[in-house]
Amino acid sequence: MGMPLELNTLIVTKGNENRIGENLFTLEKEGYRLYPLDIPVDVRKVLDSNTSGSALIKKVEWENNKTKITYQLISLNSTN
């Protein structure tokens, strides 16, 4: 039996991110997802929205059909 795996090239938070440091966040998603590590990726609130900023994914954890990522926000786009 195979394991379903999704490859993601951007972070979609849907407002579920948790701040754990100055520019460090965690996000938990359903299913097993693979993200590129230490390469800038876009961060969006929802899939069809504009980019909120850029982040470096520092850690990916898989457990109980969930993926938890830890990422560092490196730039933030302002609406001003």
PDB file of N, CA and C in Angstrom:
ATOM      1  N   MET A   1       0.851  -1.164   0.000  1.00  0.00           N
ATOM      2  CA  MET A   1       0.000   0.000   0.000  1.00  0.00           C
ATOM      3  C   MET A   1       0.900   1.232   0.000  1.00  0.00           C
ATOM      4  N   GLY A   2       0.559   2.219  -0.804  1.00  0.00           N
ATOM      5  CA  GLY A   2       1.341   3.441  -0.903  1.00  0.00           C
ATOM      6  C   GLY A   2       0.932   4.483   0.125  1.00  0.00           C
ATOM      7  N   MET A   3       1.814   5.419   0.313  1.00  0.00           N
ATOM      8  CA  MET A   3       1.553   6.521   1.243  1.00  0.00           C
ATOM      9  C   MET A   3       1.248   7.768   0.424  1.00  0.00           C
ATOM     10  N   PRO A   4       0.079   8.403   0.592  1.00  0.00           N
ATOM     11  CA  PRO A   4      -0.212   9.626  -0.150  1.00  0.00           C
ATOM     12  C   PRO A   4       0.730  10.743   0.307  1.00  0.00           C
ATOM     13  N   LEU A   5       1.305  11.457  -0.659  1.00  0.00           N
ATOM     14  CA  LEU A   5       2.270  12.506  -0.369  1.00  0.00           C
ATOM     15  C   LEU A   5       2.025  13.673  -1.312  1.00  0.00           C
ATOM     16  N   GLU A   6       2.003  14.861  -0.770  1.00  0.00           N
ATOM     17  CA  GLU A   6       1.770  16.075  -1.554  1.00  0.00           C
ATOM     18  C   GLU A   6       3.041  16.917  -1.519  1.00  0.00           C
ATOM     19  N   LEU A   7       3.455  17.435  -2.679  1.00  0.00           N
ATOM     20  CA  LEU A   7       4.615  18.306  -2.758  1.00  0.00           C
ATOM     21  C   LEU A   7       4.138  19.751  -2.789  1.00  0.00           C
ATOM     22  N   ASN A   8       4.573  20.558  -1.823  1.00  0.00           N
ATOM     23  CA  ASN A   8       4.155  21.953  -1.714  1.00  0.00           C
ATOM     24  C   ASN A   8       5.340  22.869  -1.961  1.00  0.00           C
ATOM     25  N   THR A   9       5.106  23.927  -2.741  1.00  0.00           N
ATOM     26  CA  THR A   9       6.164  24.896  -3.028  1.00  0.00           C
ATOM     27  C   THR A   9       5.821  26.280  -2.495  1.00  0.00           C
ATOM     28  N   LEU A  10       4.776  26.377  -1.685  1.00  0.00           N
ATOM     29  CA  LEU A  10       4.442  27.606  -0.979  1.00  0.00           C
ATOM     30  C   LEU A  10       3.715  27.246   0.294  1.00  0.00           C
ATOM     31  N   ILE A  11       3.659  28.201   1.215  1.00  0.00           N
ATOM     32  CA  ILE A  11       3.001  27.986   2.505  1.00  0.00           C
ATOM     33  C   ILE A  11       1.658  28.705   2.474  1.00  0.00           C
ATOM     34  N   VAL A  12       0.580  27.969   2.688  1.00  0.00           N
ATOM     35  CA  VAL A  12      -0.766  28.539   2.779  1.00  0.00           C
ATOM     36  C   VAL A  12      -1.212  28.366   4.230  1.00  0.00           C
ATOM     37  N   THR A  13      -1.331  29.485   4.963  1.00  0.00           N
ATOM     38  CA  THR A  13      -1.558  29.410   6.410  1.00  0.00           C
ATOM     39  C   THR A  13      -3.027  29.297   6.811  1.00  0.00           C
ATOM     40  N   LYS A  14      -3.928  29.891   6.069  1.00  0.00           N
ATOM     41  CA  LYS A  14      -5.350  29.962   6.425  1.00  0.00           C
ATOM     42  C   LYS A  14      -5.545  30.511   7.838  1.00  0.00           C
ATOM     43  N   GLY A  15      -4.557  31.284   8.320  1.00  0.00           N
ATOM     44  CA  GLY A  15      -4.635  31.889   9.642  1.00  0.00           C
ATOM     45  C   GLY A  15      -4.344  30.935  10.784  1.00  0.00           C
ATOM     46  N   ASN A  16      -3.827  29.740  10.493  1.00  0.00           N
ATOM     47  CA  ASN A  16      -3.592  28.727  11.522  1.00  0.00           C
ATOM     48  C   ASN A  16      -2.153  28.663  12.019  1.00  0.00           C
ATOM     49  N   GLU A  17      -1.319  29.615  11.629  1.00  0.00           N
ATOM     50  CA  GLU A  17       0.080  29.596  12.054  1.00  0.00           C
ATOM     51  C   GLU A  17       0.196  30.013  13.521  1.00  0.00           C
ATOM     52  N   ASN A  18       1.223  29.529  14.193  1.00  0.00           N
ATOM     53  CA  ASN A  18       1.499  29.872  15.593  1.00  0.00           C
ATOM     54  C   ASN A  18       2.888  30.470  15.681  1.00  0.00           C
ATOM     55  N   ARG A  19       2.989  31.654  16.283  1.00  0.00           N
ATOM     56  CA  ARG A  19       4.294  32.301  16.460  1.00  0.00           C
ATOM     57  C   ARG A  19       5.000  31.663  17.648  1.00  0.00           C
ATOM     58  N   ILE A  20       6.259  31.260  17.425  1.00  0.00           N
ATOM     59  CA  ILE A  20       7.045  30.675  18.515  1.00  0.00           C
ATOM     60  C   ILE A  20       8.303  31.494  18.795  1.00  0.00           C
ATOM     61  N   GLY A  21       8.522  32.530  18.026  1.00  0.00           N
ATOM     62  CA  GLY A  21       9.681  33.400  18.204  1.00  0.00           C
ATOM     63  C   GLY A  21       9.455  34.681  17.429  1.00  0.00           C
ATOM     64  N   GLU A  22      10.463  35.536  17.392  1.00  0.00           N
ATOM     65  CA  GLU A  22      10.351  36.830  16.696  1.00  0.00           C
ATOM     66  C   GLU A  22       9.834  36.661  15.263  1.00  0.00           C
ATOM     67  N   ASN A  23      10.526  35.882  14.471  1.00  0.00           N
ATOM     68  CA  ASN A  23      10.122  35.621  13.087  1.00  0.00           C
ATOM     69  C   ASN A  23       9.958  34.133  12.816  1.00  0.00           C
ATOM     70  N   LEU A  24       9.714  33.349  13.851  1.00  0.00           N
ATOM     71  CA  LEU A  24       9.619  31.897  13.728  1.00  0.00           C
ATOM     72  C   LEU A  24       8.184  31.453  13.993  1.00  0.00           C
ATOM     73  N   PHE A  25       7.670  30.586  13.109  1.00  0.00           N
ATOM     74  CA  PHE A  25       6.285  30.141  13.184  1.00  0.00           C
ATOM     75  C   PHE A  25       6.216  28.629  12.993  1.00  0.00           C
ATOM     76  N   THR A  26       5.132  28.018  13.488  1.00  0.00           N
ATOM     77  CA  THR A  26       4.810  26.628  13.185  1.00  0.00           C
ATOM     78  C   THR A  26       3.439  26.590  12.536  1.00  0.00           C
ATOM     79  N   LEU A  27       3.231  25.574  11.728  1.00  0.00           N
ATOM     80  CA  LEU A  27       1.956  25.382  11.049  1.00  0.00           C
ATOM     81  C   LEU A  27       1.741  23.887  10.900  1.00  0.00           C
ATOM     82  N   GLU A  28       0.548  23.419  11.263  1.00  0.00           N
ATOM     83  CA  GLU A  28       0.200  22.011  11.124  1.00  0.00           C
ATOM     84  C   GLU A  28      -0.857  21.852  10.048  1.00  0.00           C
ATOM     85  N   LYS A  29      -0.611  20.906   9.129  1.00  0.00           N
ATOM     86  CA  LYS A  29      -1.528  20.649   8.018  1.00  0.00           C
ATOM     87  C   LYS A  29      -1.923  19.170   8.030  1.00  0.00           C
ATOM     88  N   GLU A  30      -3.105  18.860   7.539  1.00  0.00           N
ATOM     89  CA  GLU A  30      -3.568  17.482   7.407  1.00  0.00           C
ATOM     90  C   GLU A  30      -2.810  16.798   6.270  1.00  0.00           C
ATOM     91  N   GLY A  31      -2.537  15.528   6.430  1.00  0.00           N
ATOM     92  CA  GLY A  31      -1.875  14.737   5.398  1.00  0.00           C
ATOM     93  C   GLY A  31      -0.361  14.892   5.443  1.00  0.00           C
ATOM     94  N   TYR A  32       0.301  14.085   4.622  1.00  0.00           N
ATOM     95  CA  TYR A  32       1.753  14.138   4.527  1.00  0.00           C
ATOM     96  C   TYR A  32       2.145  15.055   3.376  1.00  0.00           C
ATOM     97  N   ARG A  33       2.944  16.066   3.680  1.00  0.00           N
ATOM     98  CA  ARG A  33       3.348  17.066   2.698  1.00  0.00           C
ATOM     99  C   ARG A  33       4.859  17.227   2.742  1.00  0.00           C
ATOM    100  N   LEU A  34       5.431  17.437   1.576  1.00  0.00           N
ATOM    101  CA  LEU A  34       6.873  17.635   1.464  1.00  0.00           C
ATOM    102  C   LEU A  34       7.121  19.075   1.037  1.00  0.00           C
ATOM    103  N   TYR A  35       8.018  19.764   1.749  1.00  0.00           N
ATOM    104  CA  TYR A  35       8.358  21.156   1.472  1.00  0.00           C
ATOM    105  C   TYR A  35       9.863  21.274   1.251  1.00  0.00           C
ATOM    106  N   PRO A  36      10.304  22.221   0.421  1.00  0.00           N
ATOM    107  CA  PRO A  36      11.747  22.444   0.272  1.00  0.00           C
ATOM    108  C   PRO A  36      12.301  23.130   1.521  1.00  0.00           C
ATOM    109  N   LEU A  37      13.456  22.681   1.993  1.00  0.00           N
ATOM    110  CA  LEU A  37      14.077  23.262   3.178  1.00  0.00           C
ATOM    111  C   LEU A  37      15.100  24.326   2.789  1.00  0.00           C
ATOM    112  N   ASP A  38      15.150  25.398   3.585  1.00  0.00           N
ATOM    113  CA  ASP A  38      16.159  26.459   3.453  1.00  0.00           C
ATOM    114  C   ASP A  38      16.197  27.122   2.077  1.00  0.00           C
ATOM    115  N   ILE A  39      15.074  27.156   1.394  1.00  0.00           N
ATOM    116  CA  ILE A  39      14.925  27.864   0.119  1.00  0.00           C
ATOM    117  C   ILE A  39      13.734  28.806   0.295  1.00  0.00           C
ATOM    118  N   PRO A  40      13.856  30.090  -0.082  1.00  0.00           N
ATOM    119  CA  PRO A  40      12.722  31.010   0.085  1.00  0.00           C
ATOM    120  C   PRO A  40      11.472  30.534  -0.660  1.00  0.00           C
ATOM    121  N   VAL A  41      10.343  30.501   0.054  1.00  0.00           N
ATOM    122  CA  VAL A  41       9.050  30.159  -0.539  1.00  0.00           C
ATOM    123  C   VAL A  41       8.044  31.245  -0.155  1.00  0.00           C
ATOM    124  N   ASP A  42       7.032  31.417  -0.989  1.00  0.00           N
ATOM    125  CA  ASP A  42       5.980  32.402  -0.711  1.00  0.00           C
ATOM    126  C   ASP A  42       5.101  31.945   0.446  1.00  0.00           C
ATOM    127  N   VAL A  43       4.602  32.913   1.202  1.00  0.00           N
ATOM    128  CA  VAL A  43       3.636  32.665   2.265  1.00  0.00           C
ATOM    129  C   VAL A  43       2.355  33.390   1.881  1.00  0.00           C
ATOM    130  N   ARG A  44       1.232  32.682   1.913  1.00  0.00           N
ATOM    131  CA  ARG A  44      -0.076  33.255   1.588  1.00  0.00           C
ATOM    132  C   ARG A  44      -1.086  32.887   2.660  1.00  0.00           C
ATOM    133  N   LYS A  45      -2.065  33.747   2.848  1.00  0.00           N
ATOM    134  CA  LYS A  45      -3.145  33.466   3.800  1.00  0.00           C
ATOM    135  C   LYS A  45      -4.059  32.376   3.234  1.00  0.00           C
ATOM    136  N   VAL A  46      -4.462  32.510   1.966  1.00  0.00           N
ATOM    137  CA  VAL A  46      -5.229  31.484   1.248  1.00  0.00           C
ATOM    138  C   VAL A  46      -4.578  31.293  -0.118  1.00  0.00           C
ATOM    139  N   LEU A  47      -4.867  30.194  -0.766  1.00  0.00           N
ATOM    140  CA  LEU A  47      -4.200  29.838  -2.008  1.00  0.00           C
ATOM    141  C   LEU A  47      -4.332  30.907  -3.088  1.00  0.00           C
ATOM    142  N   ASP A  48      -5.499  31.521  -3.216  1.00  0.00           N
ATOM    143  CA  ASP A  48      -5.738  32.491  -4.282  1.00  0.00           C
ATOM    144  C   ASP A  48      -5.409  33.931  -3.903  1.00  0.00           C
ATOM    145  N   SER A  49      -4.822  34.158  -2.733  1.00  0.00           N
ATOM    146  CA  SER A  49      -4.508  35.526  -2.308  1.00  0.00           C
ATOM    147  C   SER A  49      -3.119  35.941  -2.789  1.00  0.00           C
ATOM    148  N   ASN A  50      -2.823  37.229  -2.613  1.00  0.00           N
ATOM    149  CA  ASN A  50      -1.485  37.727  -2.917  1.00  0.00           C
ATOM    150  C   ASN A  50      -0.503  37.215  -1.874  1.00  0.00           C
ATOM    151  N   THR A  51       0.756  37.229  -2.230  1.00  0.00           N
ATOM    152  CA  THR A  51       1.803  36.785  -1.318  1.00  0.00           C
ATOM    153  C   THR A  51       1.910  37.725  -0.125  1.00  0.00           C
ATOM    154  N   SER A  52       1.931  37.162   1.077  1.00  0.00           N
ATOM    155  CA  SER A  52       2.082  37.947   2.308  1.00  0.00           C
ATOM    156  C   SER A  52       3.545  38.212   2.621  1.00  0.00           C
ATOM    157  N   GLY A  53       4.421  37.341   2.145  1.00  0.00           N
ATOM    158  CA  GLY A  53       5.846  37.476   2.407  1.00  0.00           C
ATOM    159  C   GLY A  53       6.587  36.238   1.938  1.00  0.00           C
ATOM    160  N   SER A  54       7.831  36.105   2.395  1.00  0.00           N
ATOM    161  CA  SER A  54       8.664  34.950   2.062  1.00  0.00           C
ATOM    162  C   SER A  54       9.183  34.319   3.345  1.00  0.00           C
ATOM    163  N   ALA A  55       9.430  33.011   3.277  1.00  0.00           N
ATOM    164  CA  ALA A  55       9.902  32.293   4.460  1.00  0.00           C
ATOM    165  C   ALA A  55      10.884  31.204   4.067  1.00  0.00           C
ATOM    166  N   LEU A  56      11.697  30.812   5.038  1.00  0.00           N
ATOM    167  CA  LEU A  56      12.575  29.651   4.907  1.00  0.00           C
ATOM    168  C   LEU A  56      12.023  28.558   5.812  1.00  0.00           C
ATOM    169  N   ILE A  57      11.740  27.406   5.263  1.00  0.00           N
ATOM    170  CA  ILE A  57      11.259  26.286   6.062  1.00  0.00           C
ATOM    171  C   ILE A  57      12.467  25.620   6.705  1.00  0.00           C
ATOM    172  N   LYS A  58      12.443  25.540   8.017  1.00  0.00           N
ATOM    173  CA  LYS A  58      13.572  25.023   8.783  1.00  0.00           C
ATOM    174  C   LYS A  58      13.399  23.571   9.209  1.00  0.00           C
ATOM    175  N   LYS A  59      12.135  23.135   9.366  1.00  0.00           N
ATOM    176  CA  LYS A  59      11.889  21.786   9.878  1.00  0.00           C
ATOM    177  C   LYS A  59      10.554  21.269   9.360  1.00  0.00           C
ATOM    178  N   VAL A  60      10.514  19.995   8.979  1.00  0.00           N
ATOM    179  CA  VAL A  60       9.284  19.316   8.556  1.00  0.00           C
ATOM    180  C   VAL A  60       9.154  18.049   9.387  1.00  0.00           C
ATOM    181  N   GLU A  61       7.996  17.875  10.033  1.00  0.00           N
ATOM    182  CA  GLU A  61       7.744  16.687  10.848  1.00  0.00           C
ATOM    183  C   GLU A  61       6.465  16.004  10.362  1.00  0.00           C
ATOM    184  N   TRP A  62       6.530  14.676  10.202  1.00  0.00           N
ATOM    185  CA  TRP A  62       5.361  13.878   9.821  1.00  0.00           C
ATOM    186  C   TRP A  62       4.985  12.986  10.976  1.00  0.00           C
ATOM    187  N   GLU A  63       3.694  12.990  11.329  1.00  0.00           N
ATOM    188  CA  GLU A  63       3.221  12.093  12.376  1.00  0.00           C
ATOM    189  C   GLU A  63       1.703  12.030  12.346  1.00  0.00           C
ATOM    190  N   ASN A  64       1.159  10.830  12.458  1.00  0.00           N
ATOM    191  CA  ASN A  64      -0.298  10.607  12.545  1.00  0.00           C
ATOM    192  C   ASN A  64      -1.069  11.298  11.418  1.00  0.00           C
ATOM    193  N   ASN A  65      -0.595  11.138  10.185  1.00  0.00           N
ATOM    194  CA  ASN A  65      -1.232  11.713   9.002  1.00  0.00           C
ATOM    195  C   ASN A  65      -1.312  13.240   9.066  1.00  0.00           C
ATOM    196  N   LYS A  66      -0.338  13.869   9.706  1.00  0.00           N
ATOM    197  CA  LYS A  66      -0.253  15.331   9.772  1.00  0.00           C
ATOM    198  C   LYS A  66       1.180  15.755   9.490  1.00  0.00           C
ATOM    199  N   THR A  67       1.317  16.951   8.954  1.00  0.00           N
ATOM    200  CA  THR A  67       2.623  17.543   8.703  1.00  0.00           C
ATOM    201  C   THR A  67       2.721  18.821   9.521  1.00  0.00           C
ATOM    202  N   LYS A  68       3.814  18.949  10.270  1.00  0.00           N
ATOM    203  CA  LYS A  68       4.069  20.168  11.038  1.00  0.00           C
ATOM    204  C   LYS A  68       5.342  20.790  10.488  1.00  0.00           C
ATOM    205  N   ILE A  69       5.244  22.062  10.077  1.00  0.00           N
ATOM    206  CA  ILE A  69       6.433  22.757   9.582  1.00  0.00           C
ATOM    207  C   ILE A  69       6.796  23.888  10.537  1.00  0.00           C
ATOM    208  N   THR A  70       8.075  24.158  10.623  1.00  0.00           N
ATOM    209  CA  THR A  70       8.594  25.305  11.350  1.00  0.00           C
ATOM    210  C   THR A  70       9.277  26.177  10.310  1.00  0.00           C
ATOM    211  N   TYR A  71       8.867  27.434  10.234  1.00  0.00           N
ATOM    212  CA  TYR A  71       9.451  28.314   9.217  1.00  0.00           C
ATOM    213  C   TYR A  71       9.808  29.674   9.795  1.00  0.00           C
ATOM    214  N   GLN A  72      10.780  30.304   9.145  1.00  0.00           N
ATOM    215  CA  GLN A  72      11.267  31.624   9.544  1.00  0.00           C
ATOM    216  C   GLN A  72      10.839  32.624   8.480  1.00  0.00           C
ATOM    217  N   LEU A  73      10.073  33.621   8.883  1.00  0.00           N
ATOM    218  CA  LEU A  73       9.644  34.678   7.972  1.00  0.00           C
ATOM    219  C   LEU A  73      10.843  35.584   7.689  1.00  0.00           C
ATOM    220  N   ILE A  74      11.213  35.731   6.403  1.00  0.00           N
ATOM    221  CA  ILE A  74      12.378  36.531   6.049  1.00  0.00           C
ATOM    222  C   ILE A  74      12.009  37.852   5.398  1.00  0.00           C
ATOM    223  N   SER A  75      10.773  37.959   4.897  1.00  0.00           N
ATOM    224  CA  SER A  75      10.285  39.245   4.371  1.00  0.00           C
ATOM    225  C   SER A  75       8.780  39.286   4.496  1.00  0.00           C
ATOM    226  N   LEU A  76       8.246  40.478   4.670  1.00  0.00           N
ATOM    227  CA  LEU A  76       6.819  40.680   4.824  1.00  0.00           C
ATOM    228  C   LEU A  76       6.381  41.778   3.870  1.00  0.00           C
ATOM    229  N   ASN A  77       5.379  41.479   3.052  1.00  0.00           N
ATOM    230  CA  ASN A  77       4.849  42.479   2.132  1.00  0.00           C
ATOM    231  C   ASN A  77       3.818  43.325   2.850  1.00  0.00           C
ATOM    232  N   SER A  78       3.943  44.641   2.729  1.00  0.00           N
ATOM    233  CA  SER A  78       3.041  45.561   3.395  1.00  0.00           C
ATOM    234  C   SER A  78       2.027  46.114   2.413  1.00  0.00           C
ATOM    235  N   THR A  79       0.831  46.414   2.903  1.00  0.00           N
ATOM    236  CA  THR A  79      -0.211  47.006   2.053  1.00  0.00           C
ATOM    237  C   THR A  79      -0.097  48.524   2.014  1.00  0.00           C
ATOM    238  N   ASN A  80       0.813  49.112   2.780  1.00  0.00           N
ATOM    239  CA  ASN A  80       0.975  50.572   2.808  1.00  0.00           C
ATOM    240  C   ASN A  80       1.769  51.061   1.635  1.00  0.00           C
TER     241      ASN A  80
END
